[in-house]
Protein backbone atom coordinates (compact mmCIF):
# COMPACT_ATOMS: atom_id res chain seq x y z
CA MET A 1 -34.38 -19.14 73.41
CA VAL A 2 -35.72 -17.88 70.11
CA ASN A 3 -35.73 -20.38 67.21
CA LEU A 4 -34.59 -18.58 64.04
CA LEU A 5 -35.06 -21.53 61.72
CA PRO A 6 -38.03 -21.31 59.35
CA LYS A 7 -41.00 -23.37 60.26
CA SER A 8 -41.68 -26.36 58.06
CA ASN A 9 -45.01 -26.40 56.30
CA ASN A 10 -44.63 -30.09 55.48
CA ARG A 11 -45.07 -29.36 51.73
CA SER A 12 -42.40 -30.61 49.28
CA VAL A 13 -40.94 -28.18 46.73
CA ARG A 14 -42.24 -29.00 43.13
CA SER A 15 -39.56 -29.76 40.53
CA GLY A 16 -39.75 -30.39 36.73
CA PHE A 17 -42.57 -29.62 34.28
CA THR A 18 -46.13 -30.78 34.12
CA LEU A 19 -47.34 -32.63 31.02
CA ILE A 20 -49.19 -29.55 29.81
CA GLU A 21 -46.08 -27.38 30.18
CA LEU A 22 -44.01 -29.92 28.22
CA LEU A 23 -46.57 -30.00 25.43
CA VAL A 24 -46.56 -26.19 25.25
CA VAL A 25 -42.74 -26.10 25.02
CA ILE A 26 -42.70 -28.82 22.35
CA SER A 27 -45.34 -27.00 20.28
CA ILE A 28 -43.38 -23.74 20.47
CA ILE A 29 -40.18 -25.50 19.36
CA GLY A 30 -42.06 -27.17 16.49
CA MET A 31 -43.52 -23.86 15.36
CA LEU A 32 -40.11 -22.17 15.41
CA ALA A 33 -38.58 -25.08 13.50
CA SER A 34 -41.30 -24.82 10.84
CA ILE A 35 -40.69 -21.08 10.43
CA ILE A 36 -36.94 -21.65 10.08
CA LEU A 37 -37.48 -24.47 7.56
CA VAL A 38 -39.80 -22.35 5.41
CA SER A 39 -37.30 -19.47 5.52
CA LEU A 40 -34.46 -21.78 4.47
CA GLN A 41 -36.50 -23.22 1.60
CA GLY A 42 -37.38 -19.72 0.43
CA ALA A 43 -33.74 -18.68 0.60
CA ARG A 44 -32.64 -21.76 -1.36
CA ASN A 45 -35.24 -21.10 -4.05
CA LYS A 46 -34.19 -17.47 -4.37
CA ALA A 47 -30.57 -18.59 -4.65
CA ARG A 48 -31.53 -21.13 -7.35
CA ILE A 49 -33.32 -18.49 -9.44
CA ALA A 50 -30.48 -16.00 -8.91
CA SER A 51 -28.03 -18.63 -10.16
CA GLY A 52 -30.13 -19.07 -13.32
CA LEU A 53 -30.26 -15.32 -13.90
CA GLN A 54 -26.51 -14.99 -13.47
CA PHE A 55 -25.84 -17.93 -15.80
CA GLU A 56 -28.17 -16.53 -18.47
CA SER A 57 -26.47 -13.14 -18.21
CA SER A 58 -23.01 -14.68 -18.58
CA ILE A 59 -24.15 -16.58 -21.70
CA TYR A 60 -25.44 -13.37 -23.23
CA GLN A 61 -22.20 -11.53 -22.46
CA THR A 62 -20.16 -14.36 -23.99
CA LEU A 63 -22.29 -15.21 -27.05
CA GLY A 64 -24.23 -11.98 -27.65
CA GLY A 65 -22.32 -11.27 -30.86
CA ASP A 66 -23.59 -14.57 -32.30
CA ILE A 67 -27.26 -14.21 -31.38
CA LEU A 68 -29.74 -15.31 -34.06
CA ALA A 69 -33.05 -14.57 -32.35
CA GLU A 70 -34.23 -13.15 -29.04
CA PHE A 71 -37.72 -12.98 -27.55
CA ASP A 72 -37.84 -11.04 -24.28
CA PHE A 73 -41.64 -10.45 -24.43
CA ASP A 74 -41.16 -7.01 -22.84
CA ASP A 75 -43.49 -5.27 -25.32
CA PRO A 76 -47.05 -6.30 -24.36
CA ASN A 77 -48.33 -4.96 -27.69
CA ASN A 78 -45.93 -7.07 -29.75
CA LEU A 79 -44.98 -10.36 -28.08
CA LEU A 80 -43.91 -11.73 -31.47
CA LYS A 81 -41.05 -9.25 -31.83
CA ASP A 82 -37.50 -10.54 -32.26
CA SER A 83 -35.48 -8.06 -30.20
CA SER A 84 -32.12 -9.32 -31.51
CA GLY A 85 -32.28 -7.02 -34.54
CA HIS A 86 -32.41 -9.91 -37.05
CA ASN A 87 -36.17 -9.51 -37.63
CA ASN A 88 -36.99 -13.18 -37.01
CA ASN A 89 -40.43 -12.16 -35.79
CA GLY A 90 -42.91 -14.88 -34.86
CA THR A 91 -46.37 -15.94 -36.02
CA TRP A 92 -49.11 -17.20 -33.72
CA LEU A 93 -50.32 -20.77 -33.94
CA GLY A 94 -53.81 -21.13 -32.47
CA THR A 95 -54.79 -18.76 -29.66
CA PRO A 96 -52.13 -16.07 -29.07
CA ALA A 97 -50.31 -15.93 -25.75
CA THR A 98 -51.05 -12.99 -23.45
CA ALA A 99 -48.66 -10.54 -21.80
CA THR A 100 -47.86 -11.24 -18.16
CA PRO A 101 -45.05 -10.43 -15.71
CA GLY A 102 -41.92 -12.41 -16.52
CA ILE A 103 -38.71 -13.28 -14.73
CA LYS A 104 -37.39 -9.72 -15.13
CA ASN A 105 -39.92 -7.64 -17.05
CA GLY A 106 -42.60 -9.01 -19.34
CA GLY A 107 -43.34 -12.62 -20.18
CA ALA A 108 -45.65 -14.61 -22.47
CA ASN A 109 -48.48 -16.60 -20.89
CA PHE A 110 -49.36 -19.78 -22.80
CA ASN A 111 -52.55 -21.46 -21.57
CA PHE A 112 -53.28 -24.48 -23.78
CA GLY A 113 -53.90 -22.13 -26.66
CA GLY A 114 -51.10 -22.83 -29.12
CA GLY A 115 -47.68 -21.33 -29.57
CA MET A 116 -45.34 -19.23 -31.67
CA TYR A 117 -43.72 -20.18 -34.95
CA ILE A 118 -40.43 -18.52 -35.91
CA SER A 119 -38.46 -19.01 -39.13
CA GLU A 120 -34.78 -19.08 -38.29
CA ALA A 121 -31.35 -19.78 -39.73
CA ASP A 122 -30.44 -23.41 -40.38
CA LEU A 123 -28.62 -24.41 -37.19
CA SER A 124 -26.93 -27.35 -38.92
CA GLN A 125 -24.81 -24.81 -40.82
CA ASN A 126 -23.19 -23.85 -37.52
CA THR A 127 -20.48 -25.90 -35.84
CA GLY A 128 -22.34 -25.18 -32.62
CA PHE A 129 -25.42 -23.42 -31.26
CA THR A 130 -27.00 -22.57 -27.91
CA VAL A 131 -30.62 -22.09 -26.86
CA SER A 132 -31.58 -20.64 -23.47
CA ALA A 133 -34.91 -19.70 -21.89
CA PHE A 134 -36.80 -19.20 -18.65
CA ILE A 135 -39.82 -21.49 -18.19
CA TYR A 136 -42.59 -21.32 -15.56
CA PRO A 137 -44.62 -24.52 -16.04
CA ARG A 138 -48.04 -24.86 -14.42
CA SER A 139 -48.63 -28.32 -15.86
CA TYR A 140 -46.57 -31.03 -17.54
CA ALA A 141 -49.47 -32.34 -19.63
CA GLY A 142 -50.31 -30.80 -22.98
CA ALA A 143 -53.76 -29.81 -24.25
CA ALA A 144 -56.58 -28.67 -21.97
CA ASP A 145 -57.95 -32.22 -21.67
CA GLY A 146 -54.63 -33.49 -20.32
CA GLY A 147 -53.60 -35.33 -23.48
CA GLY A 148 -50.16 -35.12 -25.03
CA CYS A 149 -47.18 -33.49 -23.42
CA SER A 150 -46.29 -29.82 -23.03
CA HIS A 151 -43.58 -28.56 -25.39
CA TRP A 152 -41.79 -25.42 -24.27
CA ILE A 153 -38.98 -24.79 -26.77
CA TYR A 154 -39.23 -26.99 -29.84
CA ASP A 155 -37.29 -27.30 -33.09
CA PRO A 156 -38.59 -30.30 -35.06
CA THR A 157 -35.28 -30.88 -36.80
CA TYR A 158 -32.88 -30.45 -33.92
CA PHE A 159 -34.20 -30.44 -30.33
CA GLY A 160 -37.16 -30.17 -27.97
CA ILE A 161 -37.78 -29.40 -24.31
CA ALA A 162 -40.97 -31.20 -23.30
CA CYS A 163 -42.76 -32.66 -20.26
CA GLN A 164 -41.13 -32.54 -16.85
CA ASN A 165 -37.95 -34.45 -17.63
CA ASN A 166 -38.19 -35.46 -21.27
CA TRP A 167 -35.87 -33.50 -23.55
CA TRP A 168 -34.84 -34.82 -26.92
CA ILE A 169 -32.40 -34.22 -29.75
CA ASN A 170 -32.50 -35.30 -33.38
CA ASN A 171 -29.48 -36.52 -35.29
CA THR A 172 -28.93 -38.38 -38.56
CA SER A 173 -29.85 -41.66 -36.80
CA GLY A 174 -33.15 -40.44 -35.37
CA ARG A 175 -34.43 -39.01 -32.11
CA GLN A 176 -32.59 -39.50 -28.82
CA TYR A 177 -34.02 -38.71 -25.40
CA VAL A 178 -32.33 -37.30 -22.32
CA PHE A 179 -33.82 -37.06 -18.84
CA PRO A 180 -32.41 -34.20 -16.79
CA PRO A 181 -33.86 -33.32 -13.35
CA GLU A 182 -37.52 -32.34 -13.43
CA LEU A 183 -38.42 -28.70 -13.90
CA LYS A 184 -40.14 -27.15 -10.89
CA LEU A 185 -43.87 -26.55 -11.29
CA ASN A 186 -45.26 -23.07 -10.54
CA ASP A 187 -41.81 -21.53 -10.41
CA TRP A 188 -39.12 -20.24 -12.74
CA ASN A 189 -36.56 -22.59 -14.30
CA GLN A 190 -33.62 -21.51 -16.43
CA VAL A 191 -32.96 -24.09 -19.17
CA THR A 192 -30.05 -24.14 -21.61
CA LEU A 193 -28.80 -26.56 -24.22
CA SER A 194 -25.60 -26.13 -26.20
CA TYR A 195 -24.43 -28.20 -29.18
CA ARG A 196 -20.73 -28.59 -29.92
CA ASN A 197 -18.75 -31.12 -31.93
CA GLY A 198 -21.42 -33.80 -31.93
CA ASN A 199 -22.33 -33.38 -28.25
CA MET A 200 -25.23 -31.63 -26.54
CA ASP A 201 -24.63 -30.10 -23.12
CA TRP A 202 -27.60 -29.57 -20.79
CA TYR A 203 -27.96 -26.97 -18.02
CA ILE A 204 -30.74 -26.20 -15.54
CA ASP A 205 -30.65 -23.11 -13.29
CA GLY A 206 -27.03 -22.46 -14.18
CA LYS A 207 -25.87 -25.96 -13.24
CA TYR A 208 -24.35 -28.42 -15.68
CA VAL A 209 -26.57 -31.52 -15.93
CA GLY A 210 -24.72 -33.68 -18.41
CA THR A 211 -23.64 -34.29 -21.99
CA GLN A 212 -25.34 -36.40 -24.64
CA SER A 213 -23.35 -37.68 -27.60
CA ILE A 214 -25.58 -37.18 -30.63
CA GLY A 215 -23.25 -37.10 -33.63
CA SER A 216 -24.06 -35.05 -36.71
CA LEU A 217 -27.20 -32.95 -36.96
CA ASN A 218 -29.79 -33.38 -39.66
CA ALA A 219 -29.28 -31.04 -42.58
CA GLY A 220 -31.97 -28.68 -43.78
CA ALA A 221 -33.61 -25.46 -42.70
CA SER A 222 -35.83 -25.60 -39.65
CA SER A 223 -38.11 -23.45 -37.53
CA LEU A 224 -38.44 -22.69 -33.85
CA TYR A 225 -41.64 -23.15 -31.85
CA ILE A 226 -42.21 -21.48 -28.48
CA GLY A 227 -45.10 -22.71 -26.38
CA GLY A 228 -45.77 -25.85 -28.39
CA PRO A 229 -46.40 -26.55 -32.10
CA GLY A 230 -50.11 -27.23 -31.57
CA SER A 231 -52.51 -29.62 -29.82
CA PRO A 232 -51.92 -31.93 -28.01
CA TRP A 233 -48.52 -30.41 -27.24
CA ASP A 234 -49.74 -26.98 -26.13
CA SER A 235 -48.07 -25.55 -23.06
CA ASN A 236 -49.59 -24.31 -19.84
CA GLY A 237 -47.19 -21.81 -18.30
CA ILE A 238 -45.09 -18.70 -18.83
CA ILE A 239 -42.03 -18.40 -21.06
CA ASP A 240 -39.51 -15.58 -21.01
CA ASP A 241 -36.17 -14.50 -22.48
CA VAL A 242 -35.78 -17.10 -25.23
CA ARG A 243 -32.43 -16.67 -26.96
CA VAL A 244 -30.89 -18.61 -29.86
CA TYR A 245 -27.17 -18.26 -30.54
CA GLY A 246 -25.21 -19.55 -33.53
CA LYS A 247 -22.34 -20.69 -31.31
CA GLU A 248 -21.76 -23.17 -28.49
CA ILE A 249 -20.91 -22.31 -24.90
CA PRO A 250 -17.12 -22.43 -24.61
CA ILE A 251 -15.67 -24.98 -22.20
């Protein structure tokens, strides 16, 4: 009689993974997870910047008729030009900034060299005003030796955007500080402040941060500084699309 059953070779069938195989699988999963995480972070950052661009565009569409000064830095041969049509052209303080790619077209590169000084209308004569800009900070510290604190947009009578999370506003009682979320280093940040009826509203990347009650503004003509008023407050970064409006953002 023929036996059709397979002969046993007395060897057990191996099941499961070896340690080396498990380590290979785990490393592959970790690598894929890292790629996905980096992609998500990149997508979030692009969405953040896109939100700032959209917010800045909506401000311009709403308040464009009340613009007092605009510096888009798109002309590399004349970074001091006020493109609003009001001829509030700037003057260099210290070493001039250099032309560099900006958030959309051109930008102004400030590298611990000084800033711009712009004579402007007295903002206290307005019931409200708005200032918006794109800032690409490379360092929070002012001056090449690390002293002081970088000033990005600065009006000595009314407001200042300085350091990573130190913004301030002047009123008839003195200077008051606000501390919004830190600006991102080595990346673009859209910053906006809007004064209305004794309150200052703060926005970063198109998102409302908060409101500071500041009361009445100091009277008297003032000037705008871009990139810091001088050492040790010189900036290290890029600034683009600075706009000053003689009206608040409507709520």
